[in-house]
């Protein structure tokens, strides 16, 4: 089994990618967006964190978040979010024997990707990545058209303009 090394920095800022277990053709996160929002808010009330940027796609999410000074336990927050979200859903997914053995659901991938933000440039690159992700995946032609993102809050705060990234035509397949 791999030995994961995590950077625990009190009051740190991290970029995360969190995936559903079954990604292909799955739209659970946008279908259950209100449940996800509610769960995140409940966890934030008991274990505060600041959302710098967040985007929810059909089968995964990306976010940049900052923990309070003196706190480095992002693992607790993700465990609580994933557990509460899973428990609120009906048991309809296929559950492997291994997951059954450990009392786990078949909703989320066990692990997630995290990256400790190192400086302002690293922060801006990751926040931009979060917001451009629906465009990157071909879900919209303009970043502003994706409703499940903090991009809209950043426009109100004048961090981005409404036409940030412009109108990009997405071409799929071969050709010129």
Protein backbone atom coordinates (compact mmCIF):
# COMPACT_ATOMS: atom_id res chain seq x y z
CA UNK A 1 0.00 0.00 0.00
CA UNK A 2 1.39 3.46 -0.84
CA UNK A 3 2.70 5.64 1.94
CA UNK A 4 0.97 8.98 1.41
CA UNK A 5 2.81 12.04 2.65
CA UNK A 6 0.66 14.99 3.46
CA UNK A 7 1.73 18.52 4.25
CA UNK A 8 -0.05 19.63 7.39
CA UNK A 9 0.45 23.36 7.79
CA UNK A 10 -1.64 25.17 10.40
CA UNK A 11 -3.68 27.89 8.72
CA UNK A 12 -2.55 26.66 5.31
CA UNK A 13 -4.29 26.92 1.95
CA UNK A 14 -4.73 23.83 -0.21
CA UNK A 15 -6.03 22.88 -3.64
CA UNK A 16 -8.12 19.69 -3.70
CA UNK A 17 -9.58 17.39 -6.31
CA UNK A 18 -12.21 15.00 -4.95
CA UNK A 19 -13.73 12.34 -7.24
CA UNK A 20 -16.72 10.08 -7.20
CA UNK A 21 -15.86 6.39 -7.40
CA UNK A 22 -17.89 5.85 -10.59
CA UNK A 23 -16.93 8.77 -12.81
CA UNK A 24 -18.07 7.71 -16.30
CA UNK A 25 -21.54 9.07 -17.08
CA UNK A 26 -22.19 10.01 -13.46
CA UNK A 27 -23.85 13.35 -12.66
CA UNK A 28 -24.51 12.75 -8.95
CA UNK A 29 -22.77 15.87 -7.67
CA UNK A 30 -24.73 18.34 -9.80
CA UNK A 31 -27.93 16.33 -9.39
CA UNK A 32 -27.51 16.49 -5.60
CA UNK A 33 -25.92 19.96 -5.48
CA UNK A 34 -28.24 21.24 -2.73
CA UNK A 35 -27.38 18.28 -0.51
CA UNK A 36 -23.66 18.86 -1.13
CA UNK A 37 -24.01 22.57 -0.31
CA UNK A 38 -25.90 21.77 2.89
CA UNK A 39 -23.31 19.21 4.01
CA UNK A 40 -20.39 21.57 3.31
CA UNK A 41 -22.13 24.32 5.29
CA UNK A 42 -22.78 21.97 8.23
CA UNK A 43 -19.15 20.89 8.32
CA UNK A 44 -17.98 24.53 8.07
CA UNK A 45 -20.11 25.44 11.09
CA UNK A 46 -18.41 22.86 13.32
CA UNK A 47 -14.96 22.87 11.68
CA UNK A 48 -14.46 26.24 9.98
CA UNK A 49 -12.62 26.78 6.74
CA UNK A 50 -12.63 29.52 4.15
CA UNK A 51 -13.60 28.69 0.57
CA UNK A 52 -11.26 30.61 -1.73
CA UNK A 53 -12.58 28.89 -4.89
CA UNK A 54 -14.86 25.92 -5.58
CA UNK A 55 -16.35 24.22 -8.61
CA UNK A 56 -18.63 21.20 -8.66
CA UNK A 57 -18.70 19.15 -11.85
CA UNK A 58 -20.93 16.14 -12.49
CA UNK A 59 -18.54 13.55 -11.04
CA UNK A 60 -15.75 15.49 -9.29
CA UNK A 61 -15.00 18.78 -7.64
CA UNK A 62 -12.06 21.11 -7.24
CA UNK A 63 -11.53 23.67 -4.54
CA UNK A 64 -9.02 25.94 -2.90
CA UNK A 65 -9.62 26.37 0.79
CA UNK A 66 -7.88 27.88 3.78
CA UNK A 67 -7.97 26.58 7.33
CA UNK A 68 -8.03 28.80 10.42
CA UNK A 69 -4.76 29.70 12.17
CA UNK A 70 -3.58 26.82 14.34
CA UNK A 71 -5.61 24.21 12.41
CA UNK A 72 -4.21 21.83 9.79
CA UNK A 73 -6.82 19.05 9.81
CA UNK A 74 -8.24 19.15 6.28
CA UNK A 75 -8.58 15.34 6.37
CA UNK A 76 -11.26 15.57 9.07
CA UNK A 77 -13.26 18.02 6.99
CA UNK A 78 -13.17 15.86 3.86
CA UNK A 79 -14.08 12.74 5.83
CA UNK A 80 -17.07 14.53 7.36
CA UNK A 81 -18.21 15.98 4.02
CA UNK A 82 -17.93 12.68 2.16
CA UNK A 83 -19.55 10.69 4.97
CA UNK A 84 -22.51 13.03 5.51
CA UNK A 85 -23.16 13.32 1.77
CA UNK A 86 -23.06 9.53 1.35
CA UNK A 87 -25.28 8.82 4.35
CA UNK A 88 -27.96 11.19 3.05
CA UNK A 89 -28.28 9.25 -0.21
CA UNK A 90 -30.32 6.09 -0.70
CA UNK A 91 -28.23 2.91 -0.91
CA UNK A 92 -28.49 2.25 -4.64
CA UNK A 93 -24.84 2.01 -5.65
CA UNK A 94 -22.89 -1.20 -6.14
CA UNK A 95 -20.65 -1.81 -3.14
CA UNK A 96 -17.59 -4.03 -3.49
CA UNK A 97 -16.88 -6.78 -0.98
CA UNK A 98 -13.90 -4.81 0.36
CA UNK A 99 -15.99 -1.71 0.93
CA UNK A 100 -18.71 -3.82 2.55
CA UNK A 101 -16.11 -5.33 4.87
CA UNK A 102 -15.13 -1.86 6.08
CA UNK A 103 -18.68 -0.48 6.16
CA UNK A 104 -17.98 1.94 3.30
CA UNK A 105 -20.32 3.19 0.61
CA UNK A 106 -19.48 3.09 -3.08
CA UNK A 107 -19.89 6.83 -3.64
CA UNK A 108 -16.46 8.48 -3.36
CA UNK A 109 -12.94 7.47 -4.26
CA UNK A 110 -11.12 6.85 -0.99
CA UNK A 111 -8.32 9.27 -1.64
CA UNK A 112 -8.25 12.77 -3.03
CA UNK A 113 -5.56 14.95 -4.48
CA UNK A 114 -4.28 17.78 -2.35
CA UNK A 115 -1.63 20.38 -3.00
CA UNK A 116 -0.36 22.87 -0.43
CA UNK A 117 -0.42 26.34 -1.96
CA UNK A 118 3.08 27.81 -1.77
CA UNK A 119 2.75 31.45 -2.78
CA UNK A 120 0.51 34.04 -4.46
CA UNK A 121 1.29 32.87 -7.99
CA UNK A 122 0.54 29.24 -7.05
CA UNK A 123 -2.69 30.42 -5.40
CA UNK A 124 -3.84 32.37 -8.48
CA UNK A 125 -3.00 29.51 -10.86
CA UNK A 126 -5.06 27.07 -8.82
CA UNK A 127 -8.01 29.44 -8.38
CA UNK A 128 -7.98 30.03 -12.16
CA UNK A 129 -7.81 26.26 -12.74
CA UNK A 130 -10.83 25.72 -10.49
CA UNK A 131 -12.91 28.28 -12.38
CA UNK A 132 -11.90 27.27 -15.90
CA UNK A 133 -12.52 23.56 -15.26
CA UNK A 134 -16.10 23.37 -16.66
CA UNK A 135 -14.80 24.94 -19.87
CA UNK A 136 -11.85 22.55 -19.94
CA UNK A 137 -14.23 19.58 -19.71
CA UNK A 138 -16.47 20.93 -22.47
CA UNK A 139 -19.46 21.42 -20.19
CA UNK A 140 -19.89 25.07 -21.25
CA UNK A 141 -18.55 27.44 -23.87
CA UNK A 142 -18.08 30.27 -21.36
CA UNK A 143 -16.92 30.02 -17.75
CA UNK A 144 -19.82 32.21 -16.64
CA UNK A 145 -22.35 29.66 -17.92
CA UNK A 146 -21.46 27.03 -15.29
CA UNK A 147 -23.74 27.58 -12.27
CA UNK A 148 -21.87 25.42 -9.70
CA UNK A 149 -18.83 27.60 -9.15
CA UNK A 150 -17.54 30.43 -7.01
CA UNK A 151 -16.65 32.20 -10.26
CA UNK A 152 -19.85 34.24 -9.97
CA UNK A 153 -18.90 35.45 -6.47
CA UNK A 154 -15.48 36.43 -7.81
CA UNK A 155 -17.16 38.48 -10.54
CA UNK A 156 -19.23 40.34 -7.92
CA UNK A 157 -16.01 41.02 -5.95
CA UNK A 158 -14.42 42.27 -9.21
CA UNK A 159 -11.68 39.62 -9.09
CA UNK A 160 -12.75 38.42 -12.55
CA UNK A 161 -14.70 40.10 -15.32
CA UNK A 162 -17.86 38.36 -16.47
CA UNK A 163 -16.22 37.52 -19.81
CA UNK A 164 -13.05 36.06 -18.22
CA UNK A 165 -11.65 33.47 -20.64
CA UNK A 166 -13.95 34.90 -23.31
CA UNK A 167 -16.05 32.81 -25.64
CA UNK A 168 -14.09 29.70 -26.46
CA UNK A 169 -15.27 27.31 -29.12
CA UNK A 170 -14.77 23.69 -28.06
CA UNK A 171 -13.85 21.32 -30.91
CA UNK A 172 -14.07 17.60 -30.35
CA UNK A 173 -12.46 15.03 -32.59
CA UNK A 174 -9.83 15.17 -35.32
CA UNK A 175 -9.47 17.50 -38.21
CA UNK A 176 -7.69 20.77 -38.63
